[in-house]
Structures are given as structure tokens and as C-alpha cells.
Amino acid sequence: MCEGLALSNEMYFRLFAPLTGTLLAEREAEAGRIEIGLTPLDAQLAAIEQTAQHWFDSEVQRVRGELLLKLTPPDCAAAESAFMRAIEIARSQQTRTFELRAALSLAKLYKMTGRDQVASELLVPALVGFNAGPEVPEVEEVRRLLTMRGPSPG
């Protein structure tokens, strides 16, 4: 993937650069190389400003947030900011599926940190207009998350 991405950049073919850079980051993280995975995402965010390819901004931010949570120790504050930015971008672009995915990621963080009520308040509006089905598997995940109880206090 790295070689293909480098070759595409050499040829100035950047049509799918946001997507391929994000996929590369996810693969690096799956291989346990979180910091290396963050590098193409940070580069992608800088390149987006040069290429004006804003169509995948929300997902780049969401995946960045997911990787920040995988660091040891997790960077919850930076991840929360990335997820919030992803939601903001998705709303401004009216990309409802990206908004749902980012809201789901942020809600999981909120659940993990004992902020169940905030998670629910975030998920309910993001779910409006979606039906369960194989097209958007996140819908079922959101519904499961909404029915889960958080850790008991004390």
C-alpha cells in the first residue's frame, strides 16, 4: 500500500488520496503501529488543504480519533476533539452516514468514560432517518449502544 500510494503521489494522481491514506493508516494500526498510522492521517489533513479534496475529511478525522484511542496511554482528549470535528464536518457537508459513524465513535468514547447520558444525547439525533439494514451496519450498532447500560456508579 505504501508503494502504491507513493507511486500515485509521484504521478500527481491524488483523486483517491484521502481514502487510500486513511486505509493505510488503519492497516498500520491493525499491525500495532499506531504512531506510524497517525503519520499518513496528519499528512492527509495537510494535503487536503492543498488539493481541496474535502469529500473524505470527516472520515479522516474519525479514523484519527480511533487511532488516538489506541495509543498507550490513549489520548482521549485529542480523540474527542477529532470525533467532534468529524461530526462538524459531516453536518456541514450533509453526509449523514459519516455523521453517524463519527457520532458512534464519540459515543463509544463517552460510554467508556462513564458519560452515558451524553452518548445517548449524541446518538439519538444522528440516528434519525436511518433504517436498520446491511447498507448501514452502524445503525444496528447505535441501537445496541443505546440499550446498553453503563458501568454502575461506585
C-alpha atoms as a PDB file:
ATOM      1  CA  MET A   1       0.000   0.000   0.000  1.00  0.00           C
ATOM      2  CA  CYS A   2       2.824   2.366   0.861  1.00  0.00           C
ATOM      3  CA  GLU A   3       4.488   1.818  -2.510  1.00  0.00           C
ATOM      4  CA  GLY A   4       1.230   2.293  -4.396  1.00  0.00           C
ATOM      5  CA  LEU A   5       0.451   5.477  -2.521  1.00  0.00           C
ATOM      6  CA  ALA A   6       3.959   6.824  -3.154  1.00  0.00           C
ATOM      7  CA  LEU A   7       3.665   5.992  -6.857  1.00  0.00           C
ATOM      8  CA  SER A   8       0.285   7.737  -7.068  1.00  0.00           C
ATOM      9  CA  ASN A   9       1.781  10.814  -5.434  1.00  0.00           C
ATOM     10  CA  GLU A  10       4.746  10.804  -7.823  1.00  0.00           C
ATOM     11  CA  MET A  11       2.318  10.754 -10.739  1.00  0.00           C
ATOM     12  CA  TYR A  12       0.243  13.533  -9.116  1.00  0.00           C
ATOM     13  CA  PHE A  13      -2.758  11.202  -9.109  1.00  0.00           C
ATOM     14  CA  ARG A  14      -4.471  12.220  -5.920  1.00  0.00           C
ATOM     15  CA  LEU A  15      -8.115  11.578  -6.707  1.00  0.00           C
ATOM     16  CA  PHE A  16      -8.494   8.926  -4.031  1.00  0.00           C
ATOM     17  CA  ALA A  17      -5.629  10.063  -1.779  1.00  0.00           C
ATOM     18  CA  PRO A  18      -7.869  10.783   1.229  1.00  0.00           C
ATOM     19  CA  LEU A  19      -9.329   7.288   1.064  1.00  0.00           C
ATOM     20  CA  THR A  20      -6.075   5.439   0.422  1.00  0.00           C
ATOM     21  CA  GLY A  21      -4.193   7.392   3.089  1.00  0.00           C
ATOM     22  CA  THR A  22      -6.902   6.574   5.607  1.00  0.00           C
ATOM     23  CA  LEU A  23      -6.902   2.890   4.663  1.00  0.00           C
ATOM     24  CA  LEU A  24      -3.130   2.800   5.043  1.00  0.00           C
ATOM     25  CA  ALA A  25      -3.411   4.360   8.498  1.00  0.00           C
ATOM     26  CA  GLU A  26      -5.965   1.750   9.547  1.00  0.00           C
ATOM     27  CA  ARG A  27      -3.764  -1.115   8.309  1.00  0.00           C
ATOM     28  CA  GLU A  28      -0.753   0.257  10.179  1.00  0.00           C
ATOM     29  CA  ALA A  29      -2.832   0.496  13.353  1.00  0.00           C
ATOM     30  CA  GLU A  30      -4.102  -3.069  12.913  1.00  0.00           C
ATOM     31  CA  ALA A  31      -0.465  -4.164  12.715  1.00  0.00           C
ATOM     32  CA  GLY A  32       0.184  -2.452  16.054  1.00  0.00           C
ATOM     33  CA  ARG A  33       1.994   0.542  14.569  1.00  0.00           C
ATOM     34  CA  ILE A  34      -0.326   3.268  15.838  1.00  0.00           C
ATOM     35  CA  GLU A  35       2.137   6.170  15.615  1.00  0.00           C
ATOM     36  CA  ILE A  36       3.071   5.152  12.070  1.00  0.00           C
ATOM     37  CA  GLY A  37      -0.638   5.004  11.255  1.00  0.00           C
ATOM     38  CA  LEU A  38      -1.147   8.535  12.516  1.00  0.00           C
ATOM     39  CA  THR A  39       1.538   9.870  10.172  1.00  0.00           C
ATOM     40  CA  PRO A  40      -0.395   9.433   6.887  1.00  0.00           C
ATOM     41  CA  LEU A  41      -3.513  10.866   8.530  1.00  0.00           C
ATOM     42  CA  ASP A  42      -1.693  14.001   9.616  1.00  0.00           C
ATOM     43  CA  ALA A  43      -0.144  14.249   6.141  1.00  0.00           C
ATOM     44  CA  GLN A  44      -3.580  13.738   4.631  1.00  0.00           C
ATOM     45  CA  LEU A  45      -5.054  16.583   6.645  1.00  0.00           C
ATOM     46  CA  ALA A  46      -2.307  18.877   5.362  1.00  0.00           C
ATOM     47  CA  ALA A  47      -2.742  17.649   1.771  1.00  0.00           C
ATOM     48  CA  ILE A  48      -6.486  18.216   1.916  1.00  0.00           C
ATOM     49  CA  GLU A  49      -5.852  21.923   2.243  1.00  0.00           C
ATOM     50  CA  GLN A  50      -3.610  21.862  -0.854  1.00  0.00           C
ATOM     51  CA  THR A  51      -5.832  19.659  -3.023  1.00  0.00           C
ATOM     52  CA  ALA A  52      -9.212  20.914  -1.758  1.00  0.00           C
ATOM     53  CA  GLN A  53     -10.422  17.303  -1.645  1.00  0.00           C
ATOM     54  CA  HIS A  54     -12.750  17.744   1.289  1.00  0.00           C
ATOM     55  CA  TRP A  55     -15.064  14.844   0.458  1.00  0.00           C
ATOM     56  CA  PHE A  56     -13.415  12.494   2.994  1.00  0.00           C
ATOM     57  CA  ASP A  57     -12.439  14.993   5.724  1.00  0.00           C
ATOM     58  CA  SER A  58     -14.916  13.633   8.234  1.00  0.00           C
ATOM     59  CA  GLU A  59     -13.659  10.060   7.915  1.00  0.00           C
ATOM     60  CA  VAL A  60     -10.021  11.153   8.126  1.00  0.00           C
ATOM     61  CA  GLN A  61     -10.811  12.906  11.410  1.00  0.00           C
ATOM     62  CA  ARG A  62     -12.849   9.956  12.716  1.00  0.00           C
ATOM     63  CA  VAL A  63     -10.131   7.415  11.964  1.00  0.00           C
ATOM     64  CA  ARG A  64      -7.557   9.741  13.500  1.00  0.00           C
ATOM     65  CA  GLY A  65      -9.651   9.767  16.672  1.00  0.00           C
ATOM     66  CA  GLU A  66      -9.871   5.975  16.677  1.00  0.00           C
ATOM     67  CA  LEU A  67      -6.087   5.691  16.402  1.00  0.00           C
ATOM     68  CA  LEU A  68      -5.536   8.222  19.163  1.00  0.00           C
ATOM     69  CA  LEU A  69      -7.598   5.967  21.436  1.00  0.00           C
ATOM     70  CA  LYS A  70      -5.316   3.035  20.620  1.00  0.00           C
ATOM     71  CA  LEU A  71      -2.195   4.821  21.836  1.00  0.00           C
ATOM     72  CA  THR A  72      -0.680   3.763  25.143  1.00  0.00           C
ATOM     73  CA  PRO A  73      -1.933   5.631  27.070  1.00  0.00           C
ATOM     74  CA  PRO A  74      -4.957   6.651  24.978  1.00  0.00           C
ATOM     75  CA  ASP A  75      -5.225  10.343  24.139  1.00  0.00           C
ATOM     76  CA  CYS A  76      -8.917  10.699  24.974  1.00  0.00           C
ATOM     77  CA  ALA A  77      -8.987  14.497  24.762  1.00  0.00           C
ATOM     78  CA  ALA A  78      -7.440  14.596  21.281  1.00  0.00           C
ATOM     79  CA  ALA A  79      -9.676  11.724  20.152  1.00  0.00           C
ATOM     80  CA  GLU A  80     -12.760  13.540  21.415  1.00  0.00           C
ATOM     81  CA  SER A  81     -11.698  16.667  19.500  1.00  0.00           C
ATOM     82  CA  ALA A  82     -11.150  14.639  16.324  1.00  0.00           C
ATOM     83  CA  PHE A  83     -14.575  12.992  16.631  1.00  0.00           C
ATOM     84  CA  MET A  84     -16.271  16.325  17.284  1.00  0.00           C
ATOM     85  CA  ARG A  85     -14.510  17.823  14.260  1.00  0.00           C
ATOM     86  CA  ALA A  86     -15.631  14.827  12.171  1.00  0.00           C
ATOM     87  CA  ILE A  87     -19.251  15.386  13.222  1.00  0.00           C
ATOM     88  CA  GLU A  88     -19.000  19.103  12.491  1.00  0.00           C
ATOM     89  CA  ILE A  89     -17.591  18.445   9.010  1.00  0.00           C
ATOM     90  CA  ALA A  90     -20.176  15.764   8.238  1.00  0.00           C
ATOM     91  CA  ARG A  91     -23.013  18.064   9.264  1.00  0.00           C
ATOM     92  CA  SER A  92     -21.670  20.931   7.175  1.00  0.00           C
ATOM     93  CA  GLN A  93     -21.340  18.602   4.167  1.00  0.00           C
ATOM     94  CA  GLN A  94     -24.666  16.919   4.909  1.00  0.00           C
ATOM     95  CA  THR A  95     -23.030  13.489   4.797  1.00  0.00           C
ATOM     96  CA  ARG A  96     -25.346  11.693   7.190  1.00  0.00           C
ATOM     97  CA  THR A  97     -23.550   8.338   7.148  1.00  0.00           C
ATOM     98  CA  PHE A  98     -20.229   9.965   8.022  1.00  0.00           C
ATOM     99  CA  GLU A  99     -22.011  11.901  10.770  1.00  0.00           C
ATOM    100  CA  LEU A 100     -23.482   8.660  12.140  1.00  0.00           C
ATOM    101  CA  ARG A 101     -20.093   6.938  12.092  1.00  0.00           C
ATOM    102  CA  ALA A 102     -18.389   9.847  13.876  1.00  0.00           C
ATOM    103  CA  ALA A 103     -21.202  10.124  16.423  1.00  0.00           C
ATOM    104  CA  LEU A 104     -20.913   6.401  17.096  1.00  0.00           C
ATOM    105  CA  SER A 105     -17.168   6.691  17.691  1.00  0.00           C
ATOM    106  CA  LEU A 106     -17.645   9.642  20.029  1.00  0.00           C
ATOM    107  CA  ALA A 107     -20.490   7.913  21.862  1.00  0.00           C
ATOM    108  CA  LYS A 108     -18.291   4.853  22.461  1.00  0.00           C
ATOM    109  CA  LEU A 109     -15.668   7.147  23.969  1.00  0.00           C
ATOM    110  CA  TYR A 110     -18.332   8.758  26.158  1.00  0.00           C
ATOM    111  CA  LYS A 111     -19.603   5.342  27.268  1.00  0.00           C
ATOM    112  CA  MET A 112     -16.044   4.235  28.021  1.00  0.00           C
ATOM    113  CA  THR A 113     -15.541   7.288  30.233  1.00  0.00           C
ATOM    114  CA  GLY A 114     -18.875   6.976  32.056  1.00  0.00           C
ATOM    115  CA  ARG A 115     -20.759   9.683  30.177  1.00  0.00           C
ATOM    116  CA  ASP A 116     -23.688   7.505  29.085  1.00  0.00           C
ATOM    117  CA  GLN A 117     -26.259  10.307  29.063  1.00  0.00           C
ATOM    118  CA  VAL A 118     -24.134  12.462  26.754  1.00  0.00           C
ATOM    119  CA  ALA A 119     -23.607   9.440  24.485  1.00  0.00           C
ATOM    120  CA  SER A 120     -27.359   8.907  24.170  1.00  0.00           C
ATOM    121  CA  GLU A 121     -27.993  12.603  23.546  1.00  0.00           C
ATOM    122  CA  LEU A 122     -25.461  12.441  20.721  1.00  0.00           C
ATOM    123  CA  LEU A 123     -26.692   9.214  19.121  1.00  0.00           C
ATOM    124  CA  VAL A 124     -30.438   9.761  19.040  1.00  0.00           C
ATOM    125  CA  PRO A 125     -30.376  12.726  16.613  1.00  0.00           C
ATOM    126  CA  ALA A 126     -27.638  11.109  14.496  1.00  0.00           C
ATOM    127  CA  LEU A 127     -29.855   8.054  14.020  1.00  0.00           C
ATOM    128  CA  VAL A 128     -32.869   9.992  12.685  1.00  0.00           C
ATOM    129  CA  GLY A 129     -33.768   8.963   9.151  1.00  0.00           C
ATOM    130  CA  PHE A 130     -31.783   5.723   9.125  1.00  0.00           C
ATOM    131  CA  ASN A 131     -33.301   2.264   8.888  1.00  0.00           C
ATOM    132  CA  ALA A 132     -31.616  -0.902  10.033  1.00  0.00           C
ATOM    133  CA  GLY A 133     -30.163  -2.936   7.217  1.00  0.00           C
ATOM    134  CA  PRO A 134     -26.979  -4.188   5.662  1.00  0.00           C
ATOM    135  CA  GLU A 135     -26.387  -0.881   3.835  1.00  0.00           C
ATOM    136  CA  VAL A 136     -25.530   0.944   7.059  1.00  0.00           C
ATOM    137  CA  PRO A 137     -24.435  -1.575   9.705  1.00  0.00           C
ATOM    138  CA  GLU A 138     -23.690   1.247  12.131  1.00  0.00           C
ATOM    139  CA  VAL A 139     -27.445   1.702  12.664  1.00  0.00           C
ATOM    140  CA  GLU A 140     -27.715  -1.622  14.480  1.00  0.00           C
ATOM    141  CA  GLU A 141     -24.565  -0.851  16.465  1.00  0.00           C
ATOM    142  CA  VAL A 142     -26.030   2.506  17.531  1.00  0.00           C
ATOM    143  CA  ARG A 143     -29.247   0.814  18.621  1.00  0.00           C
ATOM    144  CA  ARG A 144     -27.302  -1.743  20.674  1.00  0.00           C
ATOM    145  CA  LEU A 145     -25.251   1.027  22.266  1.00  0.00           C
ATOM    146  CA  LEU A 146     -28.401   2.959  23.166  1.00  0.00           C
ATOM    147  CA  THR A 147     -29.806  -0.049  25.020  1.00  0.00           C
ATOM    148  CA  MET A 148     -26.594  -0.831  26.933  1.00  0.00           C
ATOM    149  CA  ARG A 149     -26.267   0.282  30.497  1.00  0.00           C
ATOM    150  CA  GLY A 150     -23.061   1.950  31.544  1.00  0.00           C
ATOM    151  CA  PRO A 151     -20.908   0.951  34.487  1.00  0.00           C
ATOM    152  CA  SER A 152     -22.712   1.194  37.788  1.00  0.00           C
ATOM    153  CA  PRO A 153     -21.677   4.142  39.945  1.00  0.00           C
ATOM    154  CA  GLY A 154     -19.479   3.475  42.950  1.00  0.00           C
END
